[in-house]
C-alpha atoms as a PDB file:
ATOM      1  CA  UNK A   1     -40.062 -38.499  41.997  1.00  0.00           C
ATOM      2  CA  UNK A   2     -43.789 -38.989  41.390  1.00  0.00           C
ATOM      3  CA  UNK A   3     -44.409 -35.232  41.548  1.00  0.00           C
ATOM      4  CA  UNK A   4     -41.909 -34.688  38.732  1.00  0.00           C
ATOM      5  CA  UNK A   5     -43.666 -37.264  36.541  1.00  0.00           C
ATOM      6  CA  UNK A   6     -47.034 -35.632  37.233  1.00  0.00           C
ATOM      7  CA  UNK A   7     -45.613 -32.224  36.380  1.00  0.00           C
ATOM      8  CA  UNK A   8     -44.217 -33.448  33.080  1.00  0.00           C
ATOM      9  CA  UNK A   9     -47.576 -35.060  32.301  1.00  0.00           C
ATOM     10  CA  UNK A  10     -49.265 -31.727  32.993  1.00  0.00           C
ATOM     11  CA  UNK A  11     -46.851 -29.986  30.600  1.00  0.00           C
ATOM     12  CA  UNK A  12     -47.761 -32.495  27.883  1.00  0.00           C
ATOM     13  CA  UNK A  13     -51.473 -31.841  28.521  1.00  0.00           C
ATOM     14  CA  UNK A  14     -50.909 -28.083  28.311  1.00  0.00           C
ATOM     15  CA  UNK A  15     -49.025 -28.396  25.016  1.00  0.00           C
ATOM     16  CA  UNK A  16     -51.690 -30.691  23.576  1.00  0.00           C
ATOM     17  CA  UNK A  17     -54.432 -28.199  24.496  1.00  0.00           C
ATOM     18  CA  UNK A  18     -52.444 -25.311  22.982  1.00  0.00           C
ATOM     19  CA  UNK A  19     -51.760 -27.111  19.710  1.00  0.00           C
ATOM     20  CA  UNK A  20     -55.427 -28.106  19.380  1.00  0.00           C
ATOM     21  CA  UNK A  21     -56.605 -24.493  19.184  1.00  0.00           C
ATOM     22  CA  UNK A  22     -58.112 -23.386  15.832  1.00  0.00           C
ATOM     23  CA  UNK A  23     -55.678 -20.478  15.340  1.00  0.00           C
ATOM     24  CA  UNK A  24     -52.563 -22.509  16.231  1.00  0.00           C
ATOM     25  CA  UNK A  25     -49.886 -21.843  13.630  1.00  0.00           C
ATOM     26  CA  UNK A  26     -46.099 -21.680  13.758  1.00  0.00           C
ATOM     27  CA  UNK A  27     -46.005 -22.125  17.549  1.00  0.00           C
ATOM     28  CA  UNK A  28     -48.579 -19.511  18.511  1.00  0.00           C
ATOM     29  CA  UNK A  29     -52.294 -18.813  18.845  1.00  0.00           C
ATOM     30  CA  UNK A  30     -54.336 -15.627  18.830  1.00  0.00           C
ATOM     31  CA  UNK A  31     -56.508 -14.261  21.585  1.00  0.00           C
ATOM     32  CA  UNK A  32     -59.551 -15.582  19.719  1.00  0.00           C
ATOM     33  CA  UNK A  33     -58.635 -18.927  21.277  1.00  0.00           C
ATOM     34  CA  UNK A  34     -58.290 -17.681  24.862  1.00  0.00           C
ATOM     35  CA  UNK A  35     -61.783 -18.703  26.046  1.00  0.00           C
ATOM     36  CA  UNK A  36     -61.434 -22.233  24.649  1.00  0.00           C
ATOM     37  CA  UNK A  37     -57.842 -22.547  25.827  1.00  0.00           C
ATOM     38  CA  UNK A  38     -58.669 -21.428  29.361  1.00  0.00           C
ATOM     39  CA  UNK A  39     -61.540 -23.934  29.438  1.00  0.00           C
ATOM     40  CA  UNK A  40     -59.295 -26.709  28.041  1.00  0.00           C
ATOM     41  CA  UNK A  41     -56.705 -26.261  30.792  1.00  0.00           C
ATOM     42  CA  UNK A  42     -59.468 -26.025  33.411  1.00  0.00           C
ATOM     43  CA  UNK A  43     -58.354 -22.627  34.672  1.00  0.00           C
ATOM     44  CA  UNK A  44     -61.689 -21.506  36.112  1.00  0.00           C
ATOM     45  CA  UNK A  45     -62.239 -17.870  35.260  1.00  0.00           C
ATOM     46  CA  UNK A  46     -65.331 -15.780  34.630  1.00  0.00           C
ATOM     47  CA  UNK A  47     -66.156 -14.497  31.155  1.00  0.00           C
ATOM     48  CA  UNK A  48     -65.273 -11.008  32.388  1.00  0.00           C
ATOM     49  CA  UNK A  49     -61.833 -12.138  33.588  1.00  0.00           C
ATOM     50  CA  UNK A  50     -61.170 -13.927  30.309  1.00  0.00           C
ATOM     51  CA  UNK A  51     -62.147 -10.836  28.338  1.00  0.00           C
ATOM     52  CA  UNK A  52     -59.774  -8.774  30.461  1.00  0.00           C
ATOM     53  CA  UNK A  53     -56.971 -11.222  29.628  1.00  0.00           C
ATOM     54  CA  UNK A  54     -57.864 -10.947  25.921  1.00  0.00           C
ATOM     55  CA  UNK A  55     -57.885  -7.136  26.057  1.00  0.00           C
ATOM     56  CA  UNK A  56     -54.587  -7.058  27.945  1.00  0.00           C
ATOM     57  CA  UNK A  57     -52.874  -9.521  25.577  1.00  0.00           C
ATOM     58  CA  UNK A  58     -54.225  -7.688  22.521  1.00  0.00           C
ATOM     59  CA  UNK A  59     -52.897  -4.383  23.843  1.00  0.00           C
ATOM     60  CA  UNK A  60     -49.525  -5.525  25.190  1.00  0.00           C
ATOM     61  CA  UNK A  61     -48.646  -8.426  22.872  1.00  0.00           C
ATOM     62  CA  UNK A  62     -50.499  -7.798  19.620  1.00  0.00           C
ATOM     63  CA  UNK A  63     -53.021 -10.553  20.300  1.00  0.00           C
ATOM     64  CA  UNK A  64     -50.514 -13.374  19.761  1.00  0.00           C
ATOM     65  CA  UNK A  65     -49.548 -15.905  22.425  1.00  0.00           C
ATOM     66  CA  UNK A  66     -46.416 -17.940  21.691  1.00  0.00           C
ATOM     67  CA  UNK A  67     -45.860 -21.463  22.963  1.00  0.00           C
ATOM     68  CA  UNK A  68     -43.042 -20.199  25.187  1.00  0.00           C
ATOM     69  CA  UNK A  69     -45.182 -17.472  26.787  1.00  0.00           C
ATOM     70  CA  UNK A  70     -48.106 -19.855  27.155  1.00  0.00           C
ATOM     71  CA  UNK A  71     -46.057 -22.542  28.893  1.00  0.00           C
ATOM     72  CA  UNK A  72     -44.500 -19.983  31.219  1.00  0.00           C
ATOM     73  CA  UNK A  73     -47.899 -18.641  32.194  1.00  0.00           C
ATOM     74  CA  UNK A  74     -49.821 -21.921  32.211  1.00  0.00           C
ATOM     75  CA  UNK A  75     -47.318 -23.868  34.293  1.00  0.00           C
ATOM     76  CA  UNK A  76     -46.992 -20.952  36.695  1.00  0.00           C
ATOM     77  CA  UNK A  77     -50.759 -21.019  37.254  1.00  0.00           C
ATOM     78  CA  UNK A  78     -50.190 -24.168  39.235  1.00  0.00           C
ATOM     79  CA  UNK A  79     -47.524 -22.410  41.306  1.00  0.00           C
ATOM     80  CA  UNK A  80     -48.795 -18.966  42.274  1.00  0.00           C
ATOM     81  CA  UNK A  81     -45.426 -17.786  43.571  1.00  0.00           C
ATOM     82  CA  UNK A  82     -43.805 -18.537  40.197  1.00  0.00           C
ATOM     83  CA  UNK A  83     -46.648 -16.823  38.329  1.00  0.00           C
ATOM     84  CA  UNK A  84     -46.211 -13.735  40.511  1.00  0.00           C
ATOM     85  CA  UNK A  85     -42.439 -13.668  40.026  1.00  0.00           C
ATOM     86  CA  UNK A  86     -42.642 -14.131  36.238  1.00  0.00           C
ATOM     87  CA  UNK A  87     -45.303 -11.447  36.026  1.00  0.00           C
ATOM     88  CA  UNK A  88     -43.212  -8.978  38.043  1.00  0.00           C
ATOM     89  CA  UNK A  89     -40.205  -9.644  35.798  1.00  0.00           C
ATOM     90  CA  UNK A  90     -42.313  -9.175  32.660  1.00  0.00           C
ATOM     91  CA  UNK A  91     -43.547  -5.717  33.667  1.00  0.00           C
ATOM     92  CA  UNK A  92     -40.065  -4.460  34.600  1.00  0.00           C
ATOM     93  CA  UNK A  93     -39.581  -3.094  31.086  1.00  0.00           C
ATOM     94  CA  UNK A  94     -36.481  -1.046  31.896  1.00  0.00           C
ATOM     95  CA  UNK A  95     -34.940  -4.098  33.644  1.00  0.00           C
ATOM     96  CA  UNK A  96     -33.716  -2.076  36.614  1.00  0.00           C
ATOM     97  CA  UNK A  97     -35.072  -4.575  39.154  1.00  0.00           C
ATOM     98  CA  UNK A  98     -37.757  -2.210  40.466  1.00  0.00           C
ATOM     99  CA  UNK A  99     -41.352  -1.400  39.543  1.00  0.00           C
ATOM    100  CA  UNK A 100     -41.875   2.203  38.423  1.00  0.00           C
ATOM    101  CA  UNK A 101     -45.169   4.086  38.548  1.00  0.00           C
ATOM    102  CA  UNK A 102     -45.593   3.490  34.798  1.00  0.00           C
ATOM    103  CA  UNK A 103     -44.927  -0.244  35.178  1.00  0.00           C
ATOM    104  CA  UNK A 104     -47.361  -0.328  38.090  1.00  0.00           C
ATOM    105  CA  UNK A 105     -50.227   0.593  35.743  1.00  0.00           C
ATOM    106  CA  UNK A 106     -49.738  -2.720  33.931  1.00  0.00           C
ATOM    107  CA  UNK A 107     -49.754  -4.563  37.256  1.00  0.00           C
ATOM    108  CA  UNK A 108     -52.904  -2.741  38.341  1.00  0.00           C
ATOM    109  CA  UNK A 109     -54.740  -3.905  35.206  1.00  0.00           C
ATOM    110  CA  UNK A 110     -54.045  -7.552  35.974  1.00  0.00           C
ATOM    111  CA  UNK A 111     -54.389  -7.445  39.762  1.00  0.00           C
ATOM    112  CA  UNK A 112     -57.799  -5.778  39.493  1.00  0.00           C
ATOM    113  CA  UNK A 113     -59.001  -8.869  37.578  1.00  0.00           C
ATOM    114  CA  UNK A 114     -58.237 -10.997  40.632  1.00  0.00           C
ATOM    115  CA  UNK A 115     -59.075  -8.482  43.365  1.00  0.00           C
ATOM    116  CA  UNK A 116     -61.891  -6.085  42.356  1.00  0.00           C
ATOM    117  CA  UNK A 117     -61.307  -4.056  45.537  1.00  0.00           C
ATOM    118  CA  UNK A 118     -57.962  -3.097  44.055  1.00  0.00           C
ATOM    119  CA  UNK A 119     -59.496  -0.855  41.379  1.00  0.00           C
ATOM    120  CA  UNK A 120     -58.523   2.756  41.988  1.00  0.00           C
ATOM    121  CA  UNK A 121     -55.388   2.035  44.025  1.00  0.00           C
ATOM    122  CA  UNK A 122     -52.502   4.381  43.368  1.00  0.00           C
ATOM    123  CA  UNK A 123     -48.790   3.759  42.959  1.00  0.00           C
ATOM    124  CA  UNK A 124     -48.300   5.225  46.448  1.00  0.00           C
ATOM    125  CA  UNK A 125     -50.783   2.640  47.830  1.00  0.00           C
ATOM    126  CA  UNK A 126     -48.809  -0.091  46.058  1.00  0.00           C
ATOM    127  CA  UNK A 127     -45.491   1.120  47.475  1.00  0.00           C
ATOM    128  CA  UNK A 128     -46.900   1.370  51.009  1.00  0.00           C
ATOM    129  CA  UNK A 129     -48.225  -2.212  50.807  1.00  0.00           C
ATOM    130  CA  UNK A 130     -45.388  -3.880  48.878  1.00  0.00           C
ATOM    131  CA  UNK A 131     -42.219  -2.069  50.034  1.00  0.00           C
ATOM    132  CA  UNK A 132     -41.309  -4.404  52.877  1.00  0.00           C
ATOM    133  CA  UNK A 133     -37.758  -3.130  53.365  1.00  0.00           C
ATOM    134  CA  UNK A 134     -38.990   0.510  53.501  1.00  0.00           C
ATOM    135  CA  UNK A 135     -36.509   1.873  50.951  1.00  0.00           C
ATOM    136  CA  UNK A 136     -39.217   3.790  49.094  1.00  0.00           C
ATOM    137  CA  UNK A 137     -39.257   1.518  46.049  1.00  0.00           C
ATOM    138  CA  UNK A 138     -40.611  -1.915  45.160  1.00  0.00           C
ATOM    139  CA  UNK A 139     -38.194  -4.578  43.944  1.00  0.00           C
ATOM    140  CA  UNK A 140     -39.137  -7.463  41.660  1.00  0.00           C
ATOM    141  CA  UNK A 141     -39.191  -9.852  44.641  1.00  0.00           C
ATOM    142  CA  UNK A 142     -41.306  -7.500  46.782  1.00  0.00           C
ATOM    143  CA  UNK A 143     -43.683  -7.082  43.851  1.00  0.00           C
ATOM    144  CA  UNK A 144     -43.904 -10.852  43.368  1.00  0.00           C
ATOM    145  CA  UNK A 145     -44.836 -11.420  47.019  1.00  0.00           C
ATOM    146  CA  UNK A 146     -47.426  -8.641  46.807  1.00  0.00           C
ATOM    147  CA  UNK A 147     -48.944  -9.925  43.524  1.00  0.00           C
ATOM    148  CA  UNK A 148     -49.090 -13.443  44.962  1.00  0.00           C
ATOM    149  CA  UNK A 149     -51.042 -12.165  47.963  1.00  0.00           C
ATOM    150  CA  UNK A 150     -53.557 -10.440  45.678  1.00  0.00           C
ATOM    151  CA  UNK A 151     -53.962 -13.437  43.340  1.00  0.00           C
ATOM    152  CA  UNK A 152     -54.294 -15.852  46.254  1.00  0.00           C
ATOM    153  CA  UNK A 153     -56.952 -13.614  47.794  1.00  0.00           C
ATOM    154  CA  UNK A 154     -59.097 -14.140  44.693  1.00  0.00           C
ATOM    155  CA  UNK A 155     -59.117 -17.915  45.046  1.00  0.00           C
ATOM    156  CA  UNK A 156     -59.873 -18.089  48.782  1.00  0.00           C
END
């Protein structure tokens, strides 16, 4: 029961940090607040990683982070497996349950932030590493396990 109370307390802290950002308005902030927000939630990242997040969010989401997206991402940061699963779901734009070569490009952008050795990997490399059931395609769950392994590698 204590863990649940701590988790709820963490959610309150995350919301408080989000709402304290200078661009907070109508339940969202802009990427201008990313450096301060990342510092406020004590999510240790380099300036280069933060800038990559800003560039990605500007390109894919118009530079606006909603409270809902923020809470999904921020709470998942404390549970890498959930972060990986939510990320895999978010890049499956056609919602077919598998990651296409086009969708992989979005994954590659983010994974290379966490694992610089990943830069230059191809979709075929991804499939050979992530396709654990050897059906020639990568499901959301296979992708999540693979992303988790890459993100965890960066914090070891």
